[in-house]
C-alpha atoms as a PDB file:
ATOM      1  CA  MET A   1     -20.958  13.299  -0.875  1.00  0.00           C
ATOM      2  CA  THR A   2     -19.904   9.681  -0.585  1.00  0.00           C
ATOM      3  CA  VAL A   3     -22.479   6.913  -0.345  1.00  0.00           C
ATOM      4  CA  SER A   4     -21.530   3.369   0.581  1.00  0.00           C
ATOM      5  CA  GLY A   5     -23.273   0.162   1.467  1.00  0.00           C
ATOM      6  CA  ARG A   6     -22.496  -3.430   2.356  1.00  0.00           C
ATOM      7  CA  PHE A   7     -24.485  -6.638   2.068  1.00  0.00           C
ATOM      8  CA  ASN A   8     -23.180  -9.964   3.407  1.00  0.00           C
ATOM      9  CA  LEU A   9     -24.136 -12.761   1.051  1.00  0.00           C
ATOM     10  CA  VAL A  10     -23.374 -15.527   3.527  1.00  0.00           C
ATOM     11  CA  GLN A  11     -21.608 -16.004   6.818  1.00  0.00           C
ATOM     12  CA  ILE A  12     -21.397 -19.518   8.223  1.00  0.00           C
ATOM     13  CA  ASP A  13     -19.915 -20.498  11.576  1.00  0.00           C
ATOM     14  CA  LEU A  14     -18.950 -24.141  11.225  1.00  0.00           C
ATOM     15  CA  SER A  15     -18.454 -24.814  14.942  1.00  0.00           C
ATOM     16  CA  ASP A  16     -18.826 -23.408  18.427  1.00  0.00           C
ATOM     17  CA  ARG A  17     -16.099 -20.811  18.997  1.00  0.00           C
ATOM     18  CA  LYS A  18     -15.824 -21.932  22.601  1.00  0.00           C
ATOM     19  CA  ALA A  19     -14.612 -25.271  21.333  1.00  0.00           C
ATOM     20  CA  THR A  20     -11.210 -26.065  19.842  1.00  0.00           C
ATOM     21  CA  PRO A  21     -10.679 -26.077  16.908  1.00  0.00           C
ATOM     22  CA  TRP A  22     -13.076 -23.644  15.208  1.00  0.00           C
ATOM     23  CA  LEU A  23     -13.505 -22.398  11.653  1.00  0.00           C
ATOM     24  CA  THR A  24     -15.547 -19.531  10.171  1.00  0.00           C
ATOM     25  CA  ALA A  25     -16.204 -19.141   6.449  1.00  0.00           C
ATOM     26  CA  TYR A  26     -17.603 -15.894   5.056  1.00  0.00           C
ATOM     27  CA  ALA A  27     -18.377 -14.049   1.835  1.00  0.00           C
ATOM     28  CA  GLY A  28     -19.487 -10.500   1.156  1.00  0.00           C
ATOM     29  CA  TYR A  29     -20.222  -7.886  -1.468  1.00  0.00           C
ATOM     30  CA  SER A  30     -19.984  -4.113  -1.138  1.00  0.00           C
ATOM     31  CA  THR A  31     -20.364  -1.119  -3.398  1.00  0.00           C
ATOM     32  CA  ALA A  32     -19.248   2.431  -2.753  1.00  0.00           C
ATOM     33  CA  ASN A  33     -18.854   5.670  -4.642  1.00  0.00           C
ATOM     34  CA  ARG A  34     -17.159   8.996  -4.050  1.00  0.00           C
ATOM     35  CA  ALA A  35     -17.539  12.382  -5.665  1.00  0.00           C
ATOM     36  CA  PRO A  36     -14.444  14.166  -7.050  1.00  0.00           C
ATOM     37  CA  THR A  37     -12.724  16.302  -4.426  1.00  0.00           C
ATOM     38  CA  PRO A  38     -12.378  20.099  -4.807  1.00  0.00           C
ATOM     39  CA  ALA A  39      -8.661  19.597  -5.477  1.00  0.00           C
ATOM     40  CA  GLU A  40      -9.433  17.180  -8.326  1.00  0.00           C
ATOM     41  CA  LEU A  41     -12.107  19.467  -9.779  1.00  0.00           C
ATOM     42  CA  SER A  42      -9.732  22.422  -9.703  1.00  0.00           C
ATOM     43  CA  CYS A  43      -7.300  20.712 -12.024  1.00  0.00           C
ATOM     44  CA  ALA A  44      -9.387  18.487 -14.271  1.00  0.00           C
ATOM     45  CA  GLY A  45      -8.447  19.013 -17.895  1.00  0.00           C
ATOM     46  CA  PRO A  46      -5.545  19.591 -20.302  1.00  0.00           C
ATOM     47  CA  ALA A  47      -6.377  23.297 -20.444  1.00  0.00           C
ATOM     48  CA  ASP A  48      -6.614  23.474 -16.646  1.00  0.00           C
ATOM     49  CA  SER A  49      -3.470  21.575 -15.680  1.00  0.00           C
ATOM     50  CA  CYS A  50      -1.598  22.819 -12.644  1.00  0.00           C
ATOM     51  CA  SER A  51       1.667  22.312 -10.818  1.00  0.00           C
ATOM     52  CA  LEU A  52      -0.074  22.261  -7.432  1.00  0.00           C
ATOM     53  CA  ALA A  53      -3.706  21.237  -7.081  1.00  0.00           C
ATOM     54  CA  ASN A  54      -4.707  24.114  -4.841  1.00  0.00           C
ATOM     55  CA  PHE A  55      -7.083  26.118  -7.037  1.00  0.00           C
ATOM     56  CA  PHE A  56     -10.392  25.154  -5.407  1.00  0.00           C
ATOM     57  CA  VAL A  57     -13.016  25.812  -8.041  1.00  0.00           C
ATOM     58  CA  GLY A  58     -15.796  23.603  -9.338  1.00  0.00           C
ATOM     59  CA  ASP A  59     -15.062  23.236 -13.040  1.00  0.00           C
ATOM     60  CA  PRO A  60     -14.770  21.261 -15.195  1.00  0.00           C
ATOM     61  CA  ASN A  61     -16.755  18.245 -14.014  1.00  0.00           C
ATOM     62  CA  LEU A  62     -15.506  14.722 -13.280  1.00  0.00           C
ATOM     63  CA  LYS A  63     -17.581  11.566 -12.962  1.00  0.00           C
ATOM     64  CA  GLN A  64     -17.968   9.934  -9.567  1.00  0.00           C
ATOM     65  CA  VAL A  65     -15.776   6.924  -8.812  1.00  0.00           C
ATOM     66  CA  VAL A  66     -17.764   3.719  -8.178  1.00  0.00           C
ATOM     67  CA  ALA A  67     -16.143   0.610  -6.650  1.00  0.00           C
ATOM     68  CA  ASP A  68     -17.661  -2.886  -6.397  1.00  0.00           C
ATOM     69  CA  THR A  69     -15.943  -5.407  -4.114  1.00  0.00           C
ATOM     70  CA  VAL A  70     -16.422  -9.149  -3.697  1.00  0.00           C
ATOM     71  CA  GLU A  71     -14.624 -10.932  -0.863  1.00  0.00           C
ATOM     72  CA  ALA A  72     -14.621 -14.471   0.508  1.00  0.00           C
ATOM     73  CA  GLY A  73     -12.464 -16.253   2.999  1.00  0.00           C
ATOM     74  CA  ALA A  74     -12.050 -18.397   6.072  1.00  0.00           C
ATOM     75  CA  ARG A  75     -10.405 -18.076   9.455  1.00  0.00           C
ATOM     76  CA  GLY A  76      -9.984 -20.382  12.405  1.00  0.00           C
ATOM     77  CA  SER A  77      -7.761 -21.735  15.154  1.00  0.00           C
ATOM     78  CA  PHE A  78      -6.661 -24.917  16.865  1.00  0.00           C
ATOM     79  CA  THR A  79      -4.415 -26.026  19.709  1.00  0.00           C
ATOM     80  CA  PRO A  80      -1.306 -27.792  18.329  1.00  0.00           C
ATOM     81  CA  PHE A  81       0.021 -28.531  21.836  1.00  0.00           C
ATOM     82  CA  PRO A  82      -0.971 -27.709  25.431  1.00  0.00           C
ATOM     83  CA  GLY A  83      -0.672 -23.963  26.096  1.00  0.00           C
ATOM     84  CA  GLY A  84      -0.394 -23.045  22.408  1.00  0.00           C
ATOM     85  CA  VAL A  85      -3.007 -21.502  20.104  1.00  0.00           C
ATOM     86  CA  PHE A  86      -2.542 -21.379  16.330  1.00  0.00           C
ATOM     87  CA  ARG A  87      -4.748 -18.976  14.350  1.00  0.00           C
ATOM     88  CA  TYR A  88      -4.992 -18.689  10.578  1.00  0.00           C
ATOM     89  CA  SER A  89      -6.916 -16.726   7.951  1.00  0.00           C
ATOM     90  CA  LEU A  90      -7.271 -16.647   4.181  1.00  0.00           C
ATOM     91  CA  ALA A  91      -9.214 -14.092   2.117  1.00  0.00           C
ATOM     92  CA  LEU A  92      -9.751 -13.649  -1.623  1.00  0.00           C
ATOM     93  CA  PHE A  93     -10.949 -10.310  -2.941  1.00  0.00           C
ATOM     94  CA  ARG A  94     -11.638  -8.382  -6.123  1.00  0.00           C
ATOM     95  CA  THR A  95     -12.495  -4.688  -6.459  1.00  0.00           C
ATOM     96  CA  ASN A  96     -13.593  -3.256  -9.807  1.00  0.00           C
ATOM     97  CA  VAL A  97     -13.532   0.538 -10.023  1.00  0.00           C
ATOM     98  CA  ASP A  98     -15.461   2.470 -12.688  1.00  0.00           C
ATOM     99  CA  ASP A  99     -14.479   5.996 -13.750  1.00  0.00           C
ATOM    100  CA  ASP A 100     -11.362   5.929 -11.569  1.00  0.00           C
ATOM    101  CA  ILE A 101      -9.599   9.284 -11.208  1.00  0.00           C
ATOM    102  CA  ALA A 102      -5.854   9.596 -11.772  1.00  0.00           C
ATOM    103  CA  LEU A 103      -3.358  12.428 -11.998  1.00  0.00           C
ATOM    104  CA  VAL A 104      -2.045  12.333 -15.594  1.00  0.00           C
ATOM    105  CA  ASN A 105       0.719  14.346 -17.196  1.00  0.00           C
ATOM    106  CA  SER A 106      -0.094  17.483 -19.169  1.00  0.00           C
ATOM    107  CA  VAL A 107       1.577  18.486 -22.405  1.00  0.00           C
ATOM    108  CA  SER A 108       2.931  21.427 -20.390  1.00  0.00           C
ATOM    109  CA  ARG A 109       6.114  20.051 -18.834  1.00  0.00           C
ATOM    110  CA  GLY A 110       5.943  19.816 -15.056  1.00  0.00           C
ATOM    111  CA  ARG A 111       2.155  20.077 -14.922  1.00  0.00           C
ATOM    112  CA  ALA A 112      -0.617  17.489 -14.594  1.00  0.00           C
ATOM    113  CA  TYR A 113      -4.371  17.242 -14.239  1.00  0.00           C
ATOM    114  CA  PHE A 114      -6.972  14.853 -12.840  1.00  0.00           C
ATOM    115  CA  ALA A 115      -9.044  12.813 -15.282  1.00  0.00           C
ATOM    116  CA  ASN A 116     -11.420   9.863 -15.335  1.00  0.00           C
ATOM    117  CA  ILE A 117      -9.359   7.052 -16.855  1.00  0.00           C
ATOM    118  CA  GLY A 118     -12.004   4.318 -17.106  1.00  0.00           C
ATOM    119  CA  GLN A 119     -11.780   1.073 -15.180  1.00  0.00           C
ATOM    120  CA  THR A 120      -9.141  -0.219 -12.754  1.00  0.00           C
ATOM    121  CA  GLN A 121      -9.045  -3.457 -10.827  1.00  0.00           C
ATOM    122  CA  ARG A 122      -7.490  -4.701  -7.601  1.00  0.00           C
ATOM    123  CA  GLN A 123      -7.631  -8.389  -6.788  1.00  0.00           C
ATOM    124  CA  GLY A 124      -5.604 -10.740  -4.689  1.00  0.00           C
ATOM    125  CA  ILE A 125      -5.070 -12.802  -1.570  1.00  0.00           C
ATOM    126  CA  ASP A 126      -4.585 -11.972   2.101  1.00  0.00           C
ATOM    127  CA  ALA A 127      -3.231 -14.826   4.215  1.00  0.00           C
ATOM    128  CA  GLY A 128      -1.966 -14.902   7.761  1.00  0.00           C
ATOM    129  CA  MET A 129      -1.032 -17.177  10.646  1.00  0.00           C
ATOM    130  CA  GLN A 130      -0.204 -16.639  14.306  1.00  0.00           C
ATOM    131  CA  LEU A 131       1.143 -18.850  17.077  1.00  0.00           C
ATOM    132  CA  LYS A 132       0.723 -17.799  20.703  1.00  0.00           C
ATOM    133  CA  THR A 133       2.110 -19.546  23.782  1.00  0.00           C
ATOM    134  CA  ASP A 134       2.808 -18.481  27.331  1.00  0.00           C
ATOM    135  CA  ARG A 135       6.171 -17.022  26.242  1.00  0.00           C
ATOM    136  CA  TRP A 136       6.024 -16.618  22.463  1.00  0.00           C
ATOM    137  CA  LEU A 137       3.932 -14.675  19.989  1.00  0.00           C
ATOM    138  CA  ALA A 138       4.909 -15.214  16.345  1.00  0.00           C
ATOM    139  CA  TYR A 139       3.052 -14.196  13.192  1.00  0.00           C
ATOM    140  CA  LEU A 140       3.369 -14.293   9.409  1.00  0.00           C
ATOM    141  CA  ALA A 141       1.180 -12.353   6.967  1.00  0.00           C
ATOM    142  CA  TYR A 142       1.293 -12.342   3.171  1.00  0.00           C
ATOM    143  CA  ALA A 143      -0.612 -10.208   0.668  1.00  0.00           C
ATOM    144  CA  PHE A 144      -0.703 -10.551  -3.114  1.00  0.00           C
ATOM    145  CA  ILE A 145      -2.327  -7.655  -4.976  1.00  0.00           C
ATOM    146  CA  ASP A 146      -2.828  -7.579  -8.723  1.00  0.00           C
ATOM    147  CA  ALA A 147      -3.635  -3.888  -9.248  1.00  0.00           C
ATOM    148  CA  SER A 148      -4.080  -3.005 -12.911  1.00  0.00           C
ATOM    149  CA  PHE A 149      -5.607  -0.613 -15.388  1.00  0.00           C
ATOM    150  CA  GLN A 150      -8.532  -2.107 -17.303  1.00  0.00           C
ATOM    151  CA  SER A 151      -9.033   0.680 -19.855  1.00  0.00           C
ATOM    152  CA  ARG A 152      -6.759   2.093 -22.534  1.00  0.00           C
ATOM    153  CA  PHE A 153      -5.779   5.767 -22.413  1.00  0.00           C
ATOM    154  CA  VAL A 154      -2.999   7.999 -23.692  1.00  0.00           C
ATOM    155  CA  GLU A 155      -1.206  10.632 -21.648  1.00  0.00           C
ATOM    156  CA  ALA A 156       1.748  12.939 -22.144  1.00  0.00           C
ATOM    157  CA  ALA A 157       4.962  11.230 -21.069  1.00  0.00           C
ATOM    158  CA  GLY A 158       6.306  14.199 -19.144  1.00  0.00           C
ATOM    159  CA  ASN A 159       9.864  13.323 -18.102  1.00  0.00           C
ATOM    160  CA  ASN A 160       9.384   9.603 -18.763  1.00  0.00           C
ATOM    161  CA  PRO A 161      12.187   8.518 -21.148  1.00  0.00           C
ATOM    162  CA  ALA A 162       9.929   5.860 -22.727  1.00  0.00           C
ATOM    163  CA  ALA A 163       7.894   8.479 -24.643  1.00  0.00           C
ATOM    164  CA  ASP A 164       6.873   7.691 -28.207  1.00  0.00           C
ATOM    165  CA  SER A 165       7.550   9.987 -31.144  1.00  0.00           C
ATOM    166  CA  ASN A 166       4.606  12.169 -30.131  1.00  0.00           C
ATOM    167  CA  GLY A 167       5.818  12.570 -26.569  1.00  0.00           C
ATOM    168  CA  ASN A 168       3.127  10.265 -25.172  1.00  0.00           C
ATOM    169  CA  ILE A 169       2.828   6.927 -23.381  1.00  0.00           C
ATOM    170  CA  THR A 170      -0.082   4.550 -23.980  1.00  0.00           C
ATOM    171  CA  VAL A 171      -1.553   2.717 -21.019  1.00  0.00           C
ATOM    172  CA  ARG A 172      -3.172  -0.596 -21.963  1.00  0.00           C
ATOM    173  CA  PRO A 173      -5.479  -2.958 -20.072  1.00  0.00           C
ATOM    174  CA  GLY A 174      -3.366  -5.147 -17.808  1.00  0.00           C
ATOM    175  CA  ASP A 175      -0.681  -2.551 -17.087  1.00  0.00           C
ATOM    176  CA  ARG A 176       0.011  -2.390 -13.361  1.00  0.00           C
ATOM    177  CA  LEU A 177      -0.893   0.612 -11.218  1.00  0.00           C
ATOM    178  CA  PRO A 178       2.198   2.441  -9.954  1.00  0.00           C
ATOM    179  CA  GLY A 179       3.040   2.431  -6.264  1.00  0.00           C
ATOM    180  CA  VAL A 180       1.222  -0.841  -5.449  1.00  0.00           C
ATOM    181  CA  PRO A 181       3.516  -3.805  -4.670  1.00  0.00           C
ATOM    182  CA  ALA A 182       2.384  -7.173  -6.004  1.00  0.00           C
ATOM    183  CA  ASN A 183       3.838  -9.038  -3.024  1.00  0.00           C
ATOM    184  CA  GLN A 184       4.202  -8.004   0.600  1.00  0.00           C
ATOM    185  CA  LEU A 185       5.312 -10.183   3.504  1.00  0.00           C
ATOM    186  CA  LYS A 186       5.191  -9.220   7.178  1.00  0.00           C
ATOM    187  CA  LEU A 187       6.609 -11.358   9.961  1.00  0.00           C
ATOM    188  CA  GLY A 188       7.425 -10.948  13.600  1.00  0.00           C
ATOM    189  CA  ALA A 189       8.148 -12.683  16.883  1.00  0.00           C
ATOM    190  CA  TYR A 190       7.998 -11.567  20.516  1.00  0.00           C
ATOM    191  CA  TYR A 191       9.468 -13.453  23.466  1.00  0.00           C
ATOM    192  CA  VAL A 192       8.656 -12.896  27.132  1.00  0.00           C
ATOM    193  CA  VAL A 193      12.082 -13.307  28.742  1.00  0.00           C
ATOM    194  CA  THR A 194      10.711 -12.703  32.230  1.00  0.00           C
ATOM    195  CA  ASP A 195       7.360 -11.605  33.571  1.00  0.00           C
ATOM    196  CA  LYS A 196       8.559  -8.011  33.150  1.00  0.00           C
ATOM    197  CA  TRP A 197      10.907  -8.104  30.144  1.00  0.00           C
ATOM    198  CA  THR A 198       9.859  -8.687  26.505  1.00  0.00           C
ATOM    199  CA  VAL A 199      11.969  -8.609  23.322  1.00  0.00           C
ATOM    200  CA  GLY A 200      10.770  -8.696  19.729  1.00  0.00           C
ATOM    201  CA  ALA A 201      11.699  -8.511  16.057  1.00  0.00           C
ATOM    202  CA  THR A 202       9.592  -7.590  13.029  1.00  0.00           C
ATOM    203  CA  GLY A 203      10.349  -7.593   9.320  1.00  0.00           C
ATOM    204  CA  ILE A 204       8.733  -6.389   6.103  1.00  0.00           C
ATOM    205  CA  ALA A 205       9.557  -7.628   2.585  1.00  0.00           C
ATOM    206  CA  THR A 206       8.037  -5.863  -0.425  1.00  0.00           C
ATOM    207  CA  SER A 207       8.385  -6.404  -4.161  1.00  0.00           C
ATOM    208  CA  GLY A 208       9.200  -3.498  -6.456  1.00  0.00           C
ATOM    209  CA  THR A 209       6.610  -1.079  -7.807  1.00  0.00           C
ATOM    210  CA  TYR A 210       6.363   0.950 -11.002  1.00  0.00           C
ATOM    211  CA  LEU A 211       7.151   4.640 -10.764  1.00  0.00           C
ATOM    212  CA  PHE A 212       4.411   7.261 -10.813  1.00  0.00           C
ATOM    213  CA  GLY A 213       4.420   8.649 -14.332  1.00  0.00           C
ATOM    214  CA  GLY A 214       5.288   5.165 -15.611  1.00  0.00           C
ATOM    215  CA  GLU A 215       1.719   3.894 -15.874  1.00  0.00           C
ATOM    216  CA  ALA A 216       2.539   2.167 -19.187  1.00  0.00           C
ATOM    217  CA  ASN A 217       5.085  -0.070 -17.378  1.00  0.00           C
ATOM    218  CA  LEU A 218       7.840   0.682 -19.914  1.00  0.00           C
ATOM    219  CA  THR A 219      10.577   1.513 -17.397  1.00  0.00           C
ATOM    220  CA  PRO A 220      12.120  -0.561 -14.562  1.00  0.00           C
ATOM    221  CA  ARG A 221      10.405  -0.846 -11.198  1.00  0.00           C
ATOM    222  CA  LEU A 222      11.743   0.267  -7.853  1.00  0.00           C
ATOM    223  CA  PRO A 223      13.929  -2.457  -6.293  1.00  0.00           C
ATOM    224  CA  SER A 224      12.339  -4.862  -3.849  1.00  0.00           C
ATOM    225  CA  TYR A 225      13.503  -4.655  -0.242  1.00  0.00           C
ATOM    226  CA  PHE A 226      13.481  -6.257   3.201  1.00  0.00           C
ATOM    227  CA  THR A 227      13.818  -4.295   6.410  1.00  0.00           C
ATOM    228  CA  LEU A 228      14.243  -5.590   9.986  1.00  0.00           C
ATOM    229  CA  ASN A 229      13.300  -3.890  13.272  1.00  0.00           C
ATOM    230  CA  LEU A 230      13.970  -4.778  16.925  1.00  0.00           C
ATOM    231  CA  SER A 231      12.108  -3.765  20.060  1.00  0.00           C
ATOM    232  CA  THR A 232      12.112  -4.367  23.804  1.00  0.00           C
ATOM    233  CA  THR A 233      10.006  -3.362  26.819  1.00  0.00           C
ATOM    234  CA  TYR A 234      10.558  -3.637  30.556  1.00  0.00           C
ATOM    235  CA  GLN A 235       7.760  -3.202  33.087  1.00  0.00           C
ATOM    236  CA  LEU A 236       9.310  -1.316  35.995  1.00  0.00           C
ATOM    237  CA  THR A 237       6.066  -1.137  37.928  1.00  0.00           C
ATOM    238  CA  GLU A 238       2.407  -1.812  37.229  1.00  0.00           C
ATOM    239  CA  ARG A 239       2.097   1.679  35.724  1.00  0.00           C
ATOM    240  CA  ILE A 240       5.604   2.474  34.409  1.00  0.00           C
ATOM    241  CA  GLN A 241       7.173   0.805  31.362  1.00  0.00           C
ATOM    242  CA  VAL A 242      10.541   1.459  29.691  1.00  0.00           C
ATOM    243  CA  PHE A 243      10.757   0.744  25.950  1.00  0.00           C
ATOM    244  CA  ALA A 244      13.258   0.920  23.077  1.00  0.00           C
ATOM    245  CA  TRP A 245      12.956   0.461  19.313  1.00  0.00           C
ATOM    246  CA  ALA A 246      15.539   0.096  16.550  1.00  0.00           C
ATOM    247  CA  GLN A 247      14.424   0.323  12.909  1.00  0.00           C
ATOM    248  CA  ASN A 248      16.178  -0.859   9.758  1.00  0.00           C
ATOM    249  CA  ILE A 249      18.957  -2.417  11.831  1.00  0.00           C
ATOM    250  CA  THR A 250      20.803  -3.659   8.725  1.00  0.00           C
ATOM    251  CA  ASN A 251      20.876  -0.044   7.461  1.00  0.00           C
ATOM    252  CA  ARG A 252      19.350  -1.212   4.191  1.00  0.00           C
ATOM    253  CA  THR A 253      19.060   1.432   1.458  1.00  0.00           C
ATOM    254  CA  TYR A 254      15.630   1.168  -0.118  1.00  0.00           C
ATOM    255  CA  TYR A 255      12.985   3.384  -1.706  1.00  0.00           C
ATOM    256  CA  THR A 256       9.303   3.859  -0.963  1.00  0.00           C
ATOM    257  CA  TYR A 257       8.339   6.151  -3.870  1.00  0.00           C
ATOM    258  CA  GLY A 258       9.522   6.869  -7.374  1.00  0.00           C
ATOM    259  CA  THR A 259       8.696   9.249 -10.230  1.00  0.00           C
ATOM    260  CA  PHE A 260      10.394  11.124 -13.095  1.00  0.00           C
ATOM    261  CA  SER A 261      12.045  14.523 -12.778  1.00  0.00           C
ATOM    262  CA  PRO A 262      13.613  16.921 -15.287  1.00  0.00           C
ATOM    263  CA  THR A 263      17.396  16.721 -15.717  1.00  0.00           C
ATOM    264  CA  SER A 264      18.032  19.346 -18.405  1.00  0.00           C
ATOM    265  CA  SER A 265      15.493  22.134 -17.880  1.00  0.00           C
ATOM    266  CA  VAL A 266      16.219  22.387 -14.150  1.00  0.00           C
ATOM    267  CA  PHE A 267      19.747  22.672 -12.708  1.00  0.00           C
ATOM    268  CA  LEU A 268      20.469  19.979 -10.113  1.00  0.00           C
ATOM    269  CA  ALA A 269      23.188  21.199  -7.775  1.00  0.00           C
ATOM    270  CA  GLN A 270      23.557  17.751  -6.189  1.00  0.00           C
ATOM    271  CA  ALA A 271      23.900  16.026  -9.599  1.00  0.00           C
ATOM    272  CA  PRO A 272      24.922  18.593 -12.224  1.00  0.00           C
ATOM    273  CA  ASN A 273      25.555  16.003 -14.972  1.00  0.00           C
ATOM    274  CA  ALA A 274      22.516  13.811 -14.331  1.00  0.00           C
ATOM    275  CA  THR A 275      20.837  12.264 -17.358  1.00  0.00           C
ATOM    276  CA  ASP A 276      18.568   9.647 -15.753  1.00  0.00           C
ATOM    277  CA  PRO A 277      15.177  11.251 -14.941  1.00  0.00           C
ATOM    278  CA  ARG A 278      14.140   8.508 -12.513  1.00  0.00           C
ATOM    279  CA  SER A 279      13.818   9.989  -9.011  1.00  0.00           C
ATOM    280  CA  TYR A 280      13.585   7.819  -5.902  1.00  0.00           C
ATOM    281  CA  SER A 281      12.467   8.757  -2.406  1.00  0.00           C
ATOM    282  CA  PRO A 282      14.810   6.998   0.065  1.00  0.00           C
ATOM    283  CA  ALA A 283      13.486   5.470   3.266  1.00  0.00           C
ATOM    284  CA  ALA A 284      14.935   6.247   6.676  1.00  0.00           C
ATOM    285  CA  PRO A 285      18.310   4.665   7.491  1.00  0.00           C
ATOM    286  CA  ILE A 286      19.097   2.805  10.704  1.00  0.00           C
ATOM    287  CA  GLY A 287      17.667   4.575  13.724  1.00  0.00           C
ATOM    288  CA  GLY A 288      16.590   4.018  17.270  1.00  0.00           C
ATOM    289  CA  PHE A 289      14.644   5.631  20.054  1.00  0.00           C
ATOM    290  CA  GLY A 290      13.445   4.864  23.535  1.00  0.00           C
ATOM    291  CA  GLY A 291      11.216   6.233  26.211  1.00  0.00           C
ATOM    292  CA  VAL A 292       9.057   5.698  29.252  1.00  0.00           C
ATOM    293  CA  ARG A 293       5.311   5.030  29.272  1.00  0.00           C
ATOM    294  CA  VAL A 294       3.341   6.007  32.337  1.00  0.00           C
ATOM    295  CA  ARG A 295      -0.229   4.779  32.753  1.00  0.00           C
ATOM    296  CA  PHE A 296      -2.432   6.771  35.107  1.00  0.00           C
END
């Protein structure tokens, strides 16, 4: 069972929203907890490690995860010129998690188990802006997330080449959580060419993340990347719309996930002489699709 609650410390509206400009400042605190899932309980100790967490039994026990979040920010809008509306927002947040659960490597190669690893923390900034006119809609959003371990623990290195002499890696307070980018930028613009035809472009830029299995941050991160997409719509009638979308139009090669895989104990037909255990999951290459939307 998961229990959650939220209590707003203060919320102040500094002006009438019907007027221009307006600004709202807010702050809040929330706490939530979750019980370990059956999959986590089925694979929750060095002696109970598994290759696939599908043995749904209730032992051994794990502590519930408890998260406390504090958030504060402001948002507002103003009219920079006739027919244009500029909106903006800024939020600061911090989430402290007690008894967080992570999948850690077992001493048995290729196996892992869930364990309470102590405290983790996620804190950062969310900022955004948007400009809307009769013909244009443009936006920019930025997020900075400092996601880190706050407790020390030792786990088997698995296939991580940074193992110490005992075959372990030591995670220390301040080491970054894998898979969480520190910086992410989203931007886009849409233009109404005619009353029926709209074109647009969106982009996402993300900094590199540490690989799963590299919780000690001893190996290189995934490369950062930027990807660009294009779209268009045409309103044939009031109820029929034709659309098209092209993704990753620069055909950028980038990766969305990384971990460590065996290179000697398992034969790799695609790379028979591989020695680097780092394994990347590639994102989709350039692609496009289109269709028709019918509204009844």
